[in-house]
Amino acid sequence: RTPGRGPDLVTHNRGWLAWLLVLAVLAYW
């Protein structure tokens, strides 16, 4: 996020995909 008021430029955070990416890297290691 960036300070300020107004609508989000990114509507969907896609947190589930971030966790999948992190878990994939950890599994490979």
PDB file of all heavy atoms in Angstrom:
ATOM      1  N   ARG A   1       0.824  -1.211   0.000  1.00  0.00           N
ATOM      2  CA  ARG A   1       0.000   0.000   0.000  1.00  0.00           C
ATOM      3  C   ARG A   1       0.854   1.254   0.000  1.00  0.00           C
ATOM      4  O   ARG A   1       1.999   1.238   0.439  1.00  0.00           O
ATOM      5  CB  ARG A   1      -0.942   0.009   1.218  1.00  0.00           C
ATOM      6  CG  ARG A   1      -1.973  -1.110   1.195  1.00  0.00           C
ATOM      7  CD  ARG A   1      -2.911  -1.021   2.370  1.00  0.00           C
ATOM      8  NE  ARG A   1      -3.961  -2.024   2.297  1.00  0.00           N
ATOM      9  CZ  ARG A   1      -5.101  -1.861   1.642  1.00  0.00           C
ATOM     10  NH1 ARG A   1      -5.335  -0.707   1.027  1.00  0.00           N
ATOM     11  NH2 ARG A   1      -5.997  -2.819   1.600  1.00  0.00           N
ATOM     12  N   THR A   2       0.254   2.323  -0.502  1.00  0.00           N
ATOM     13  CA  THR A   2       0.889   3.632  -0.475  1.00  0.00           C
ATOM     14  C   THR A   2      -0.034   4.592   0.260  1.00  0.00           C
ATOM     15  O   THR A   2      -1.269   4.459   0.167  1.00  0.00           O
ATOM     16  CB  THR A   2       1.159   4.141  -1.902  1.00  0.00           C
ATOM     17  OG1 THR A   2       1.921   5.359  -1.851  1.00  0.00           O
ATOM     18  CG2 THR A   2      -0.124   4.383  -2.671  1.00  0.00           C
ATOM     19  N   PRO A   3       0.492   5.532   1.030  1.00  0.00           N
ATOM     20  CA  PRO A   3      -0.377   6.446   1.784  1.00  0.00           C
ATOM     21  C   PRO A   3      -1.262   7.274   0.853  1.00  0.00           C
ATOM     22  O   PRO A   3      -0.883   7.600  -0.273  1.00  0.00           O
ATOM     23  CB  PRO A   3       0.614   7.327   2.549  1.00  0.00           C
ATOM     24  CG  PRO A   3       1.881   6.539   2.595  1.00  0.00           C
ATOM     25  CD  PRO A   3       1.917   5.748   1.321  1.00  0.00           C
ATOM     26  N   GLY A   4      -2.434   7.610   1.348  1.00  0.00           N
ATOM     27  CA  GLY A   4      -3.352   8.437   0.579  1.00  0.00           C
ATOM     28  C   GLY A   4      -4.727   7.819   0.477  1.00  0.00           C
ATOM     29  O   GLY A   4      -4.910   6.618   0.677  1.00  0.00           O
ATOM     30  N   ARG A   5      -5.679   8.669   0.182  1.00  0.00           N
ATOM     31  CA  ARG A   5      -7.053   8.217   0.030  1.00  0.00           C
ATOM     32  C   ARG A   5      -7.363   7.985  -1.441  1.00  0.00           C
ATOM     33  O   ARG A   5      -6.751   8.578  -2.315  1.00  0.00           O
ATOM     34  CB  ARG A   5      -8.027   9.238   0.624  1.00  0.00           C
ATOM     35  CG  ARG A   5      -7.869   9.418   2.132  1.00  0.00           C
ATOM     36  CD  ARG A   5      -8.884  10.409   2.668  1.00  0.00           C
ATOM     37  NE  ARG A   5      -8.759  10.554   4.113  1.00  0.00           N
ATOM     38  CZ  ARG A   5      -9.360   9.777   4.984  1.00  0.00           C
ATOM     39  NH1 ARG A   5     -10.137   8.798   4.560  1.00  0.00           N
ATOM     40  NH2 ARG A   5      -9.195   9.965   6.282  1.00  0.00           N
ATOM     41  N   GLY A   6      -8.351   7.131  -1.655  1.00  0.00           N
ATOM     42  CA  GLY A   6      -8.753   6.849  -3.015  1.00  0.00           C
ATOM     43  C   GLY A   6      -8.913   5.366  -3.241  1.00  0.00           C
ATOM     44  O   GLY A   6      -8.624   4.549  -2.356  1.00  0.00           O
ATOM     45  N   PRO A   7      -9.371   4.997  -4.413  1.00  0.00           N
ATOM     46  CA  PRO A   7      -9.591   3.569  -4.694  1.00  0.00           C
ATOM     47  C   PRO A   7      -8.283   2.820  -4.837  1.00  0.00           C
ATOM     48  O   PRO A   7      -7.248   3.390  -5.205  1.00  0.00           O
ATOM     49  CB  PRO A   7     -10.368   3.593  -6.026  1.00  0.00           C
ATOM     50  CG  PRO A   7      -9.932   4.874  -6.677  1.00  0.00           C
ATOM     51  CD  PRO A   7      -9.721   5.852  -5.558  1.00  0.00           C
ATOM     52  N   ASP A   8      -8.338   1.533  -4.531  1.00  0.00           N
ATOM     53  CA  ASP A   8      -7.167   0.673  -4.723  1.00  0.00           C
ATOM     54  C   ASP A   8      -6.877   0.522  -6.212  1.00  0.00           C
ATOM     55  O   ASP A   8      -7.790   0.286  -7.015  1.00  0.00           O
ATOM     56  CB  ASP A   8      -7.403  -0.701  -4.109  1.00  0.00           C
ATOM     57  CG  ASP A   8      -7.463  -0.667  -2.586  1.00  0.00           C
ATOM     58  OD1 ASP A   8      -6.935   0.298  -2.013  1.00  0.00           O
ATOM     59  OD2 ASP A   8      -8.040  -1.600  -2.003  1.00  0.00           O
ATOM     60  N   LEU A   9      -5.594   0.648  -6.567  1.00  0.00           N
ATOM     61  CA  LEU A   9      -5.193   0.384  -7.945  1.00  0.00           C
ATOM     62  C   LEU A   9      -5.154  -1.108  -8.223  1.00  0.00           C
ATOM     63  O   LEU A   9      -5.257  -1.525  -9.376  1.00  0.00           O
ATOM     64  CB  LEU A   9      -3.818   1.013  -8.225  1.00  0.00           C
ATOM     65  CG  LEU A   9      -3.722   2.528  -8.035  1.00  0.00           C
ATOM     66  CD1 LEU A   9      -2.325   3.012  -8.395  1.00  0.00           C
ATOM     67  CD2 LEU A   9      -4.772   3.255  -8.876  1.00  0.00           C
ATOM     68  N   VAL A  10      -4.979  -1.915  -7.169  1.00  0.00           N
ATOM     69  CA  VAL A  10      -4.998  -3.371  -7.271  1.00  0.00           C
ATOM     70  C   VAL A  10      -6.190  -3.862  -6.459  1.00  0.00           C
ATOM     71  O   VAL A  10      -6.210  -3.738  -5.233  1.00  0.00           O
ATOM     72  CB  VAL A  10      -3.690  -3.986  -6.736  1.00  0.00           C
ATOM     73  CG1 VAL A  10      -3.764  -5.504  -6.747  1.00  0.00           C
ATOM     74  CG2 VAL A  10      -2.504  -3.502  -7.563  1.00  0.00           C
ATOM     75  N   THR A  11      -7.176  -4.398  -7.138  1.00  0.00           N
ATOM     76  CA  THR A  11      -8.415  -4.784  -6.455  1.00  0.00           C
ATOM     77  C   THR A  11      -8.301  -6.126  -5.744  1.00  0.00           C
ATOM     78  O   THR A  11      -8.917  -6.332  -4.702  1.00  0.00           O
ATOM     79  CB  THR A  11      -9.571  -4.835  -7.466  1.00  0.00           C
ATOM     80  OG1 THR A  11      -9.218  -5.715  -8.541  1.00  0.00           O
ATOM     81  CG2 THR A  11      -9.847  -3.441  -8.032  1.00  0.00           C
ATOM     82  N   HIS A  12      -7.523  -7.044  -6.277  1.00  0.00           N
ATOM     83  CA  HIS A  12      -7.386  -8.379  -5.691  1.00  0.00           C
ATOM     84  C   HIS A  12      -5.943  -8.590  -5.242  1.00  0.00           C
ATOM     85  O   HIS A  12      -5.017  -8.489  -6.052  1.00  0.00           O
ATOM     86  CB  HIS A  12      -7.793  -9.456  -6.688  1.00  0.00           C
ATOM     87  CG  HIS A  12      -9.217  -9.333  -7.149  1.00  0.00           C
ATOM     88  ND1 HIS A  12     -10.292  -9.601  -6.334  1.00  0.00           N
ATOM     89  CD2 HIS A  12      -9.737  -8.949  -8.350  1.00  0.00           C
ATOM     90  CE1 HIS A  12     -11.415  -9.407  -7.005  1.00  0.00           C
ATOM     91  NE2 HIS A  12     -11.111  -9.005  -8.224  1.00  0.00           N
ATOM     92  N   ASN A  13      -5.767  -8.913  -3.962  1.00  0.00           N
ATOM     93  CA  ASN A  13      -4.424  -9.069  -3.410  1.00  0.00           C
ATOM     94  C   ASN A  13      -3.766 -10.384  -3.826  1.00  0.00           C
ATOM     95  O   ASN A  13      -2.542 -10.492  -3.877  1.00  0.00           O
ATOM     96  CB  ASN A  13      -4.475  -8.991  -1.882  1.00  0.00           C
ATOM     97  CG  ASN A  13      -3.108  -8.856  -1.259  1.00  0.00           C
ATOM     98  OD1 ASN A  13      -2.242  -8.149  -1.775  1.00  0.00           O
ATOM     99  ND2 ASN A  13      -2.896  -9.529  -0.146  1.00  0.00           N
ATOM    100  N   ARG A  14      -4.552 -11.418  -4.111  1.00  0.00           N
ATOM    101  CA  ARG A  14      -4.058 -12.741  -4.519  1.00  0.00           C
ATOM    102  C   ARG A  14      -3.076 -13.316  -3.488  1.00  0.00           C
ATOM    103  O   ARG A  14      -2.018 -13.841  -3.835  1.00  0.00           O
ATOM    104  CB  ARG A  14      -3.396 -12.688  -5.899  1.00  0.00           C
ATOM    105  CG  ARG A  14      -4.295 -12.192  -7.017  1.00  0.00           C
ATOM    106  CD  ARG A  14      -3.688 -12.471  -8.372  1.00  0.00           C
ATOM    107  NE  ARG A  14      -2.423 -11.791  -8.547  1.00  0.00           N
ATOM    108  CZ  ARG A  14      -1.555 -12.077  -9.520  1.00  0.00           C
ATOM    109  NH1 ARG A  14      -1.814 -13.037 -10.386  1.00  0.00           N
ATOM    110  NH2 ARG A  14      -0.425 -11.413  -9.626  1.00  0.00           N
ATOM    111  N   GLY A  15      -3.447 -13.208  -2.220  1.00  0.00           N
ATOM    112  CA  GLY A  15      -2.570 -13.713  -1.166  1.00  0.00           C
ATOM    113  C   GLY A  15      -2.328 -15.204  -1.260  1.00  0.00           C
ATOM    114  O   GLY A  15      -1.234 -15.688  -0.944  1.00  0.00           O
ATOM    115  N   TRP A  16      -3.330 -15.953  -1.686  1.00  0.00           N
ATOM    116  CA  TRP A  16      -3.178 -17.406  -1.806  1.00  0.00           C
ATOM    117  C   TRP A  16      -2.075 -17.767  -2.781  1.00  0.00           C
ATOM    118  O   TRP A  16      -1.318 -18.719  -2.559  1.00  0.00           O
ATOM    119  CB  TRP A  16      -4.494 -18.026  -2.260  1.00  0.00           C
ATOM    120  CG  TRP A  16      -4.948 -17.551  -3.617  1.00  0.00           C
ATOM    121  CD1 TRP A  16      -5.715 -16.451  -3.894  1.00  0.00           C
ATOM    122  CD2 TRP A  16      -4.637 -18.165  -4.870  1.00  0.00           C
ATOM    123  NE1 TRP A  16      -5.903 -16.337  -5.248  1.00  0.00           N
ATOM    124  CE2 TRP A  16      -5.262 -17.370  -5.874  1.00  0.00           C
ATOM    125  CE3 TRP A  16      -3.908 -19.287  -5.242  1.00  0.00           C
ATOM    126  CZ2 TRP A  16      -5.165 -17.676  -7.225  1.00  0.00           C
ATOM    127  CZ3 TRP A  16      -3.808 -19.595  -6.592  1.00  0.00           C
ATOM    128  CH2 TRP A  16      -4.435 -18.796  -7.572  1.00  0.00           C
ATOM    129  N   LEU A  17      -1.932 -16.974  -3.865  1.00  0.00           N
ATOM    130  CA  LEU A  17      -0.901 -17.262  -4.859  1.00  0.00           C
ATOM    131  C   LEU A  17       0.484 -16.948  -4.311  1.00  0.00           C
ATOM    132  O   LEU A  17       1.463 -17.643  -4.620  1.00  0.00           O
ATOM    133  CB  LEU A  17      -1.172 -16.455  -6.131  1.00  0.00           C
ATOM    134  CG  LEU A  17      -0.286 -16.752  -7.335  1.00  0.00           C
ATOM    135  CD1 LEU A  17      -0.336 -18.229  -7.707  1.00  0.00           C
ATOM    136  CD2 LEU A  17      -0.698 -15.886  -8.528  1.00  0.00           C
ATOM    137  N   ALA A  18       0.569 -15.911  -3.486  1.00  0.00           N
ATOM    138  CA  ALA A  18       1.850 -15.586  -2.859  1.00  0.00           C
ATOM    139  C   ALA A  18       2.304 -16.719  -1.948  1.00  0.00           C
ATOM    140  O   ALA A  18       3.482 -17.104  -1.945  1.00  0.00           O
ATOM    141  CB  ALA A  18       1.727 -14.280  -2.077  1.00  0.00           C
ATOM    142  N   TRP A  19       1.370 -17.278  -1.166  1.00  0.00           N
ATOM    143  CA  TRP A  19       1.722 -18.396  -0.289  1.00  0.00           C
ATOM    144  C   TRP A  19       2.141 -19.619  -1.097  1.00  0.00           C
ATOM    145  O   TRP A  19       3.070 -20.335  -0.707  1.00  0.00           O
ATOM    146  CB  TRP A  19       0.544 -18.734   0.623  1.00  0.00           C
ATOM    147  CG  TRP A  19       0.434 -17.826   1.806  1.00  0.00           C
ATOM    148  CD1 TRP A  19      -0.537 -16.903   2.060  1.00  0.00           C
ATOM    149  CD2 TRP A  19       1.353 -17.741   2.901  1.00  0.00           C
ATOM    150  NE1 TRP A  19      -0.286 -16.258   3.240  1.00  0.00           N
ATOM    151  CE2 TRP A  19       0.862 -16.743   3.783  1.00  0.00           C
ATOM    152  CE3 TRP A  19       2.528 -18.406   3.221  1.00  0.00           C
ATOM    153  CZ2 TRP A  19       1.525 -16.405   4.960  1.00  0.00           C
ATOM    154  CZ3 TRP A  19       3.187 -18.068   4.405  1.00  0.00           C
ATOM    155  CH2 TRP A  19       2.683 -17.083   5.253  1.00  0.00           C
ATOM    156  N   LEU A  20       1.470 -19.886  -2.200  1.00  0.00           N
ATOM    157  CA  LEU A  20       1.859 -21.011  -3.047  1.00  0.00           C
ATOM    158  C   LEU A  20       3.274 -20.823  -3.587  1.00  0.00           C
ATOM    159  O   LEU A  20       4.056 -21.783  -3.657  1.00  0.00           O
ATOM    160  CB  LEU A  20       0.871 -21.159  -4.209  1.00  0.00           C
ATOM    161  CG  LEU A  20      -0.473 -21.817  -3.900  1.00  0.00           C
ATOM    162  CD1 LEU A  20      -1.325 -21.886  -5.158  1.00  0.00           C
ATOM    163  CD2 LEU A  20      -0.260 -23.217  -3.326  1.00  0.00           C
ATOM    164  N   LEU A  21       3.611 -19.590  -3.974  1.00  0.00           N
ATOM    165  CA  LEU A  21       4.944 -19.316  -4.491  1.00  0.00           C
ATOM    166  C   LEU A  21       6.001 -19.535  -3.418  1.00  0.00           C
ATOM    167  O   LEU A  21       7.041 -20.163  -3.660  1.00  0.00           O
ATOM    168  CB  LEU A  21       4.999 -17.881  -5.021  1.00  0.00           C
ATOM    169  CG  LEU A  21       6.298 -17.448  -5.700  1.00  0.00           C
ATOM    170  CD1 LEU A  21       6.561 -18.297  -6.940  1.00  0.00           C
ATOM    171  CD2 LEU A  21       6.235 -15.972  -6.075  1.00  0.00           C
ATOM    172  N   VAL A  22       5.750 -19.030  -2.219  1.00  0.00           N
ATOM    173  CA  VAL A  22       6.702 -19.200  -1.121  1.00  0.00           C
ATOM    174  C   VAL A  22       6.855 -20.678  -0.765  1.00  0.00           C
ATOM    175  O   VAL A  22       7.976 -21.178  -0.573  1.00  0.00           O
ATOM    176  CB  VAL A  22       6.251 -18.386   0.105  1.00  0.00           C
ATOM    177  CG1 VAL A  22       7.120 -18.701   1.312  1.00  0.00           C
ATOM    178  CG2 VAL A  22       6.305 -16.891  -0.201  1.00  0.00           C
ATOM    179  N   LEU A  23       5.737 -21.395  -0.681  1.00  0.00           N
ATOM    180  CA  LEU A  23       5.797 -22.818  -0.333  1.00  0.00           C
ATOM    181  C   LEU A  23       6.507 -23.631  -1.408  1.00  0.00           C
ATOM    182  O   LEU A  23       7.222 -24.596  -1.097  1.00  0.00           O
ATOM    183  CB  LEU A  23       4.384 -23.355  -0.110  1.00  0.00           C
ATOM    184  CG  LEU A  23       3.665 -22.853   1.143  1.00  0.00           C
ATOM    185  CD1 LEU A  23       2.233 -23.370   1.182  1.00  0.00           C
ATOM    186  CD2 LEU A  23       4.421 -23.253   2.395  1.00  0.00           C
ATOM    187  N   ALA A  24       6.341 -23.248  -2.660  1.00  0.00           N
ATOM    188  CA  ALA A  24       7.030 -23.957  -3.742  1.00  0.00           C
ATOM    189  C   ALA A  24       8.540 -23.786  -3.631  1.00  0.00           C
ATOM    190  O   ALA A  24       9.304 -24.748  -3.807  1.00  0.00           O
ATOM    191  CB  ALA A  24       6.537 -23.443  -5.098  1.00  0.00           C
ATOM    192  N   VAL A  25       8.993 -22.582  -3.312  1.00  0.00           N
ATOM    193  CA  VAL A  25      10.423 -22.341  -3.149  1.00  0.00           C
ATOM    194  C   VAL A  25      10.958 -23.110  -1.945  1.00  0.00           C
ATOM    195  O   VAL A  25      12.018 -23.757  -2.017  1.00  0.00           O
ATOM    196  CB  VAL A  25      10.698 -20.831  -3.000  1.00  0.00           C
ATOM    197  CG1 VAL A  25      12.154 -20.582  -2.602  1.00  0.00           C
ATOM    198  CG2 VAL A  25      10.382 -20.106  -4.305  1.00  0.00           C
ATOM    199  N   LEU A  26      10.237 -23.070  -0.825  1.00  0.00           N
ATOM    200  CA  LEU A  26      10.680 -23.792   0.364  1.00  0.00           C
ATOM    201  C   LEU A  26      10.706 -25.297   0.127  1.00  0.00           C
ATOM    202  O   LEU A  26      11.608 -25.995   0.605  1.00  0.00           O
ATOM    203  CB  LEU A  26       9.771 -23.457   1.543  1.00  0.00           C
ATOM    204  CG  LEU A  26       9.824 -22.009   2.055  1.00  0.00           C
ATOM    205  CD1 LEU A  26       8.832 -21.814   3.190  1.00  0.00           C
ATOM    206  CD2 LEU A  26      11.237 -21.634   2.496  1.00  0.00           C
ATOM    207  N   ALA A  27       9.723 -25.807  -0.614  1.00  0.00           N
ATOM    208  CA  ALA A  27       9.699 -27.236  -0.920  1.00  0.00           C
ATOM    209  C   ALA A  27      10.880 -27.625  -1.797  1.00  0.00           C
ATOM    210  O   ALA A  27      11.491 -28.692  -1.602  1.00  0.00           O
ATOM    211  CB  ALA A  27       8.382 -27.593  -1.610  1.00  0.00           C
ATOM    212  N   TYR A  28      11.222 -26.777  -2.743  1.00  0.00           N
ATOM    213  CA  TYR A  28      12.381 -27.060  -3.592  1.00  0.00           C
ATOM    214  C   TYR A  28      13.669 -27.065  -2.784  1.00  0.00           C
ATOM    215  O   TYR A  28      14.514 -27.952  -2.938  1.00  0.00           O
ATOM    216  CB  TYR A  28      12.469 -26.038  -4.720  1.00  0.00           C
ATOM    217  CG  TYR A  28      13.777 -26.079  -5.470  1.00  0.00           C
ATOM    218  CD1 TYR A  28      14.126 -27.203  -6.227  1.00  0.00           C
ATOM    219  CD2 TYR A  28      14.682 -25.015  -5.405  1.00  0.00           C
ATOM    220  CE1 TYR A  28      15.333 -27.255  -6.904  1.00  0.00           C
ATOM    221  CE2 TYR A  28      15.875 -25.058  -6.080  1.00  0.00           C
ATOM    222  CZ  TYR A  28      16.201 -26.172  -6.820  1.00  0.00           C
ATOM    223  OH  TYR A  28      17.401 -26.233  -7.475  1.00  0.00           O
ATOM    224  N   TRP A  29      13.814 -26.085  -1.902  1.00  0.00           N
ATOM    225  CA  TRP A  29      15.005 -26.045  -1.052  1.00  0.00           C
ATOM    226  C   TRP A  29      15.067 -27.279  -0.159  1.00  0.00           C
ATOM    227  O   TRP A  29      16.159 -27.842   0.049  1.00  0.00           O
ATOM    228  CB  TRP A  29      14.994 -24.781  -0.197  1.00  0.00           C
ATOM    229  CG  TRP A  29      15.285 -23.536  -0.970  1.00  0.00           C
ATOM    230  CD1 TRP A  29      15.707 -23.452  -2.264  1.00  0.00           C
ATOM    231  CD2 TRP A  29      15.160 -22.184  -0.496  1.00  0.00           C
ATOM    232  NE1 TRP A  29      15.865 -22.131  -2.641  1.00  0.00           N
ATOM    233  CE2 TRP A  29      15.535 -21.337  -1.578  1.00  0.00           C
ATOM    234  CE3 TRP A  29      14.767 -21.619   0.706  1.00  0.00           C
ATOM    235  CZ2 TRP A  29      15.527 -19.951  -1.454  1.00  0.00           C
ATOM    236  CZ3 TRP A  29      14.762 -20.238   0.823  1.00  0.00           C
ATOM    237  CH2 TRP A  29      15.144 -19.419  -0.239  1.00  0.00           C
TER     238      TRP A  29
END
